[in-house]
Amino acid sequence: MESNFSLVKKGDYYFLRELTYPHLKAFVHIDRKIPIIKEIDFDDKCSVSEKENALKEAEIFLQNFAAEK
């Protein structure tokens, strides 16, 4: 399955980056059953609904990543 996200280990956290608009960035702790998002930022100006959709996509990506781990 192709992903619109990149996940890179940075110390105790992972840096999650959406590769397509609206370019969400977040620090995520995924060593637990439910991932914990420490910080969220967007590179692009976008509407609230676009941010909400990006967060939902990120949630699905993290759930799939945790299930494969």
PDB file of N, CA and C in Angstrom:
ATOM      1  N   MET A   1       0.827  -1.175   0.000  1.00  0.00           N
ATOM      2  CA  MET A   1       0.000   0.000   0.000  1.00  0.00           C
ATOM      3  C   MET A   1       0.880   1.251   0.000  1.00  0.00           C
ATOM      4  N   GLU A   2       0.591   2.178  -0.909  1.00  0.00           N
ATOM      5  CA  GLU A   2       1.348   3.416  -1.013  1.00  0.00           C
ATOM      6  C   GLU A   2       0.896   4.386   0.068  1.00  0.00           C
ATOM      7  N   SER A   3       1.834   5.112   0.623  1.00  0.00           N
ATOM      8  CA  SER A   3       1.523   6.019   1.722  1.00  0.00           C
ATOM      9  C   SER A   3       1.869   7.451   1.347  1.00  0.00           C
ATOM     10  N   ASN A   4       1.090   8.380   1.858  1.00  0.00           N
ATOM     11  CA  ASN A   4       1.364   9.802   1.692  1.00  0.00           C
ATOM     12  C   ASN A   4       2.155  10.348   2.875  1.00  0.00           C
ATOM     13  N   PHE A   5       2.696   9.445   3.706  1.00  0.00           N
ATOM     14  CA  PHE A   5       3.385   9.861   4.922  1.00  0.00           C
ATOM     15  C   PHE A   5       4.799   9.303   4.983  1.00  0.00           C
ATOM     16  N   SER A   6       5.648  10.041   5.661  1.00  0.00           N
ATOM     17  CA  SER A   6       7.009   9.617   5.963  1.00  0.00           C
ATOM     18  C   SER A   6       7.129   9.575   7.478  1.00  0.00           C
ATOM     19  N   LEU A   7       7.795   8.562   8.004  1.00  0.00           N
ATOM     20  CA  LEU A   7       7.979   8.415   9.445  1.00  0.00           C
ATOM     21  C   LEU A   7       9.449   8.140   9.719  1.00  0.00           C
ATOM     22  N   VAL A   8      10.096   9.047  10.461  1.00  0.00           N
ATOM     23  CA  VAL A   8      11.522   8.951  10.728  1.00  0.00           C
ATOM     24  C   VAL A   8      11.753   9.036  12.229  1.00  0.00           C
ATOM     25  N   LYS A   9      12.560   8.124  12.759  1.00  0.00           N
ATOM     26  CA  LYS A   9      12.876   8.100  14.193  1.00  0.00           C
ATOM     27  C   LYS A   9      13.752   9.284  14.565  1.00  0.00           C
ATOM     28  N   LYS A  10      13.333  10.032  15.596  1.00  0.00           N
ATOM     29  CA  LYS A  10      14.087  11.174  16.128  1.00  0.00           C
ATOM     30  C   LYS A  10      14.127  11.047  17.635  1.00  0.00           C
ATOM     31  N   GLY A  11      15.143  10.395  18.183  1.00  0.00           N
ATOM     32  CA  GLY A  11      15.242  10.196  19.629  1.00  0.00           C
ATOM     33  C   GLY A  11      14.143   9.270  20.116  1.00  0.00           C
ATOM     34  N   ASP A  12      13.367   9.716  21.113  1.00  0.00           N
ATOM     35  CA  ASP A  12      12.275   8.910  21.658  1.00  0.00           C
ATOM     36  C   ASP A  12      11.008   8.993  20.812  1.00  0.00           C
ATOM     37  N   TYR A  13      10.976   9.928  19.888  1.00  0.00           N
ATOM     38  CA  TYR A  13       9.792  10.156  19.082  1.00  0.00           C
ATOM     39  C   TYR A  13      10.072   9.863  17.617  1.00  0.00           C
ATOM     40  N   TYR A  14       9.002   9.807  16.847  1.00  0.00           N
ATOM     41  CA  TYR A  14       9.095   9.720  15.402  1.00  0.00           C
ATOM     42  C   TYR A  14       8.605  11.037  14.822  1.00  0.00           C
ATOM     43  N   PHE A  15       9.213  11.459  13.720  1.00  0.00           N
ATOM     44  CA  PHE A  15       8.775  12.647  13.005  1.00  0.00           C
ATOM     45  C   PHE A  15       7.882  12.170  11.868  1.00  0.00           C
ATOM     46  N   LEU A  16       6.614  12.526  11.928  1.00  0.00           N
ATOM     47  CA  LEU A  16       5.633  12.156  10.915  1.00  0.00           C
ATOM     48  C   LEU A  16       5.436  13.352   9.997  1.00  0.00           C
ATOM     49  N   ARG A  17       5.518  13.086   8.699  1.00  0.00           N
ATOM     50  CA  ARG A  17       5.361  14.170   7.732  1.00  0.00           C
ATOM     51  C   ARG A  17       4.458  13.696   6.613  1.00  0.00           C
ATOM     52  N   GLU A  18       3.460  14.498   6.291  1.00  0.00           N
ATOM     53  CA  GLU A  18       2.590  14.201   5.160  1.00  0.00           C
ATOM     54  C   GLU A  18       3.267  14.745   3.913  1.00  0.00           C
ATOM     55  N   LEU A  19       3.364  13.911   2.889  1.00  0.00           N
ATOM     56  CA  LEU A  19       4.099  14.275   1.687  1.00  0.00           C
ATOM     57  C   LEU A  19       3.256  15.050   0.677  1.00  0.00           C
ATOM     58  N   THR A  20       1.964  15.170   0.934  1.00  0.00           N
ATOM     59  CA  THR A  20       1.065  15.897   0.039  1.00  0.00           C
ATOM     60  C   THR A  20       0.367  17.009   0.821  1.00  0.00           C
ATOM     61  N   TYR A  21      -0.269  17.922   0.097  1.00  0.00           N
ATOM     62  CA  TYR A  21      -1.013  19.022   0.729  1.00  0.00           C
ATOM     63  C   TYR A  21      -1.998  18.463   1.727  1.00  0.00           C
ATOM     64  N   PRO A  22      -2.115  18.995   2.912  1.00  0.00           N
ATOM     65  CA  PRO A  22      -1.585  20.243   3.452  1.00  0.00           C
ATOM     66  C   PRO A  22      -0.284  20.101   4.230  1.00  0.00           C
ATOM     67  N   HIS A  23       0.522  19.112   3.965  1.00  0.00           N
ATOM     68  CA  HIS A  23       1.852  18.940   4.554  1.00  0.00           C
ATOM     69  C   HIS A  23       1.881  19.032   6.074  1.00  0.00           C
ATOM     70  N   LEU A  24       1.165  18.136   6.700  1.00  0.00           N
ATOM     71  CA  LEU A  24       1.154  18.002   8.154  1.00  0.00           C
ATOM     72  C   LEU A  24       2.516  17.541   8.638  1.00  0.00           C
ATOM     73  N   LYS A  25       2.951  18.071   9.780  1.00  0.00           N
ATOM     74  CA  LYS A  25       4.170  17.626  10.462  1.00  0.00           C
ATOM     75  C   LYS A  25       3.815  17.381  11.912  1.00  0.00           C
ATOM     76  N   ALA A  26       4.345  16.295  12.493  1.00  0.00           N
ATOM     77  CA  ALA A  26       4.041  16.005  13.899  1.00  0.00           C
ATOM     78  C   ALA A  26       5.142  15.143  14.499  1.00  0.00           C
ATOM     79  N   PHE A  27       5.335  15.287  15.802  1.00  0.00           N
ATOM     80  CA  PHE A  27       6.189  14.385  16.554  1.00  0.00           C
ATOM     81  C   PHE A  27       5.270  13.395  17.252  1.00  0.00           C
ATOM     82  N   VAL A  28       5.550  12.112  17.091  1.00  0.00           N
ATOM     83  CA  VAL A  28       4.646  11.062  17.553  1.00  0.00           C
ATOM     84  C   VAL A  28       5.418  10.040  18.383  1.00  0.00           C
ATOM     85  N   HIS A  29       4.834   9.635  19.500  1.00  0.00           N
ATOM     86  CA  HIS A  29       5.388   8.551  20.320  1.00  0.00           C
ATOM     87  C   HIS A  29       4.562   7.310  19.999  1.00  0.00           C
ATOM     88  N   ILE A  30       5.152   6.341  19.293  1.00  0.00           N
ATOM     89  CA  ILE A  30       4.377   5.184  18.836  1.00  0.00           C
ATOM     90  C   ILE A  30       4.742   3.893  19.557  1.00  0.00           C
ATOM     91  N   ASP A  31       5.505   3.985  20.625  1.00  0.00           N
ATOM     92  CA  ASP A  31       5.896   2.783  21.363  1.00  0.00           C
ATOM     93  C   ASP A  31       4.830   2.346  22.357  1.00  0.00           C
ATOM     94  N   ARG A  32       3.629   2.856  22.217  1.00  0.00           N
ATOM     95  CA  ARG A  32       2.503   2.489  23.068  1.00  0.00           C
ATOM     96  C   ARG A  32       1.378   1.965  22.196  1.00  0.00           C
ATOM     97  N   LYS A  33       0.387   1.360  22.828  1.00  0.00           N
ATOM     98  CA  LYS A  33      -0.731   0.808  22.074  1.00  0.00           C
ATOM     99  C   LYS A  33      -1.458   1.891  21.279  1.00  0.00           C
ATOM    100  N   ILE A  34      -1.648   3.052  21.886  1.00  0.00           N
ATOM    101  CA  ILE A  34      -2.266   4.187  21.208  1.00  0.00           C
ATOM    102  C   ILE A  34      -1.180   5.247  21.009  1.00  0.00           C
ATOM    103  N   PRO A  35      -0.856   5.602  19.749  1.00  0.00           N
ATOM    104  CA  PRO A  35       0.184   6.612  19.511  1.00  0.00           C
ATOM    105  C   PRO A  35      -0.164   7.952  20.160  1.00  0.00           C
ATOM    106  N   ILE A  36       0.869   8.624  20.673  1.00  0.00           N
ATOM    107  CA  ILE A  36       0.705   9.935  21.296  1.00  0.00           C
ATOM    108  C   ILE A  36       1.351  10.974  20.389  1.00  0.00           C
ATOM    109  N   ILE A  37       0.570  11.971  19.992  1.00  0.00           N
ATOM    110  CA  ILE A  37       1.096  13.039  19.152  1.00  0.00           C
ATOM    111  C   ILE A  37       1.520  14.196  20.055  1.00  0.00           C
ATOM    112  N   LYS A  38       2.805  14.549  19.973  1.00  0.00           N
ATOM    113  CA  LYS A  38       3.351  15.596  20.850  1.00  0.00           C
ATOM    114  C   LYS A  38       3.127  16.983  20.260  1.00  0.00           C
ATOM    115  N   GLU A  39       3.392  17.172  18.995  1.00  0.00           N
ATOM    116  CA  GLU A  39       3.252  18.466  18.342  1.00  0.00           C
ATOM    117  C   GLU A  39       2.676  18.262  16.951  1.00  0.00           C
ATOM    118  N   ILE A  40       1.855  19.203  16.503  1.00  0.00           N
ATOM    119  CA  ILE A  40       1.296  19.165  15.151  1.00  0.00           C
ATOM    120  C   ILE A  40       1.489  20.539  14.534  1.00  0.00           C
ATOM    121  N   ASP A  41       1.890  20.547  13.271  1.00  0.00           N
ATOM    122  CA  ASP A  41       2.049  21.794  12.539  1.00  0.00           C
ATOM    123  C   ASP A  41       1.719  21.527  11.076  1.00  0.00           C
ATOM    124  N   PHE A  42       1.352  22.558  10.357  1.00  0.00           N
ATOM    125  CA  PHE A  42       1.084  22.459   8.929  1.00  0.00           C
ATOM    126  C   PHE A  42       1.960  23.475   8.198  1.00  0.00           C
ATOM    127  N   ASP A  43       2.627  23.042   7.119  1.00  0.00           N
ATOM    128  CA  ASP A  43       3.445  23.950   6.324  1.00  0.00           C
ATOM    129  C   ASP A  43       2.590  24.894   5.486  1.00  0.00           C
ATOM    130  N   ASP A  44       1.398  24.438   5.113  1.00  0.00           N
ATOM    131  CA  ASP A  44       0.526  25.199   4.228  1.00  0.00           C
ATOM    132  C   ASP A  44      -0.632  25.816   4.999  1.00  0.00           C
ATOM    133  N   LYS A  45      -1.130  26.929   4.498  1.00  0.00           N
ATOM    134  CA  LYS A  45      -2.368  27.490   5.044  1.00  0.00           C
ATOM    135  C   LYS A  45      -3.501  26.645   4.488  1.00  0.00           C
ATOM    136  N   CYS A  46      -4.369  26.196   5.372  1.00  0.00           N
ATOM    137  CA  CYS A  46      -5.463  25.335   4.940  1.00  0.00           C
ATOM    138  C   CYS A  46      -6.659  25.530   5.868  1.00  0.00           C
ATOM    139  N   SER A  47      -7.799  25.060   5.407  1.00  0.00           N
ATOM    140  CA  SER A  47      -9.026  25.213   6.177  1.00  0.00           C
ATOM    141  C   SER A  47      -9.059  24.226   7.336  1.00  0.00           C
ATOM    142  N   VAL A  48      -9.971  24.444   8.235  1.00  0.00           N
ATOM    143  CA  VAL A  48     -10.148  23.542   9.372  1.00  0.00           C
ATOM    144  C   VAL A  48     -10.514  22.140   8.876  1.00  0.00           C
ATOM    145  N   SER A  49     -11.372  22.049   7.880  1.00  0.00           N
ATOM    146  CA  SER A  49     -11.773  20.728   7.369  1.00  0.00           C
ATOM    147  C   SER A  49     -10.602  20.009   6.704  1.00  0.00           C
ATOM    148  N   GLU A  50      -9.711  20.741   6.031  1.00  0.00           N
ATOM    149  CA  GLU A  50      -8.524  20.123   5.436  1.00  0.00           C
ATOM    150  C   GLU A  50      -7.581  19.613   6.531  1.00  0.00           C
ATOM    151  N   LYS A  51      -7.452  20.371   7.604  1.00  0.00           N
ATOM    152  CA  LYS A  51      -6.630  19.920   8.738  1.00  0.00           C
ATOM    153  C   LYS A  51      -7.240  18.676   9.372  1.00  0.00           C
ATOM    154  N   GLU A  52      -8.554  18.682   9.538  1.00  0.00           N
ATOM    155  CA  GLU A  52      -9.244  17.535  10.114  1.00  0.00           C
ATOM    156  C   GLU A  52      -9.041  16.292   9.263  1.00  0.00           C
ATOM    157  N   ASN A  53      -9.166  16.417   7.953  1.00  0.00           N
ATOM    158  CA  ASN A  53      -8.958  15.274   7.056  1.00  0.00           C
ATOM    159  C   ASN A  53      -7.521  14.771   7.126  1.00  0.00           C
ATOM    160  N   ALA A  54      -6.552  15.683   7.185  1.00  0.00           N
ATOM    161  CA  ALA A  54      -5.150  15.293   7.285  1.00  0.00           C
ATOM    162  C   ALA A  54      -4.890  14.528   8.582  1.00  0.00           C
ATOM    163  N   LEU A  55      -5.498  14.967   9.676  1.00  0.00           N
ATOM    164  CA  LEU A  55      -5.322  14.279  10.959  1.00  0.00           C
ATOM    165  C   LEU A  55      -5.963  12.894  10.937  1.00  0.00           C
ATOM    166  N   LYS A  56      -7.103  12.764  10.284  1.00  0.00           N
ATOM    167  CA  LYS A  56      -7.732  11.448  10.159  1.00  0.00           C
ATOM    168  C   LYS A  56      -6.863  10.501   9.344  1.00  0.00           C
ATOM    169  N   GLU A  57      -6.288  11.007   8.249  1.00  0.00           N
ATOM    170  CA  GLU A  57      -5.393  10.192   7.437  1.00  0.00           C
ATOM    171  C   GLU A  57      -4.159   9.783   8.238  1.00  0.00           C
ATOM    172  N   ALA A  58      -3.628  10.709   9.036  1.00  0.00           N
ATOM    173  CA  ALA A  58      -2.465  10.407   9.871  1.00  0.00           C
ATOM    174  C   ALA A  58      -2.820   9.333  10.898  1.00  0.00           C
ATOM    175  N   GLU A  59      -4.006   9.419  11.473  1.00  0.00           N
ATOM    176  CA  GLU A  59      -4.443   8.427  12.449  1.00  0.00           C
ATOM    177  C   GLU A  59      -4.507   7.034  11.821  1.00  0.00           C
ATOM    178  N   ILE A  60      -5.057   6.939  10.642  1.00  0.00           N
ATOM    179  CA  ILE A  60      -5.146   5.647   9.941  1.00  0.00           C
ATOM    180  C   ILE A  60      -3.746   5.124   9.634  1.00  0.00           C
ATOM    181  N   PHE A  61      -2.865   6.000   9.168  1.00  0.00           N
ATOM    182  CA  PHE A  61      -1.490   5.604   8.878  1.00  0.00           C
ATOM    183  C   PHE A  61      -0.800   5.068  10.129  1.00  0.00           C
ATOM    184  N   LEU A  62      -0.936   5.769  11.254  1.00  0.00           N
ATOM    185  CA  LEU A  62      -0.288   5.338  12.502  1.00  0.00           C
ATOM    186  C   LEU A  62      -0.872   4.039  13.023  1.00  0.00           C
ATOM    187  N   GLN A  63      -2.182   3.845  12.893  1.00  0.00           N
ATOM    188  CA  GLN A  63      -2.797   2.585  13.307  1.00  0.00           C
ATOM    189  C   GLN A  63      -2.261   1.422  12.476  1.00  0.00           C
ATOM    190  N   ASN A  64      -2.141   1.625  11.170  1.00  0.00           N
ATOM    191  CA  ASN A  64      -1.604   0.589  10.296  1.00  0.00           C
ATOM    192  C   ASN A  64      -0.136   0.308  10.612  1.00  0.00           C
ATOM    193  N   PHE A  65       0.620   1.361  10.890  1.00  0.00           N
ATOM    194  CA  PHE A  65       2.034   1.194  11.240  1.00  0.00           C
ATOM    195  C   PHE A  65       2.180   0.403  12.532  1.00  0.00           C
ATOM    196  N   ALA A  66       1.371   0.751  13.531  1.00  0.00           N
ATOM    197  CA  ALA A  66       1.435   0.057  14.821  1.00  0.00           C
ATOM    198  C   ALA A  66       1.009  -1.400  14.678  1.00  0.00           C
ATOM    199  N   ALA A  67       0.040  -1.681  13.811  1.00  0.00           N
ATOM    200  CA  ALA A  67      -0.423  -3.051  13.613  1.00  0.00           C
ATOM    201  C   ALA A  67       0.643  -3.912  12.942  1.00  0.00           C
ATOM    202  N   GLU A  68       1.450  -3.305  12.075  1.00  0.00           N
ATOM    203  CA  GLU A  68       2.508  -4.043  11.381  1.00  0.00           C
ATOM    204  C   GLU A  68       3.726  -4.249  12.251  1.00  0.00           C
ATOM    205  N   LYS A  69       3.875  -3.450  13.297  1.00  0.00           N
ATOM    206  CA  LYS A  69       5.054  -3.477  14.168  1.00  0.00           C
ATOM    207  C   LYS A  69       5.100  -4.697  15.026  1.00  0.00           C
TER     208      LYS A  69
END
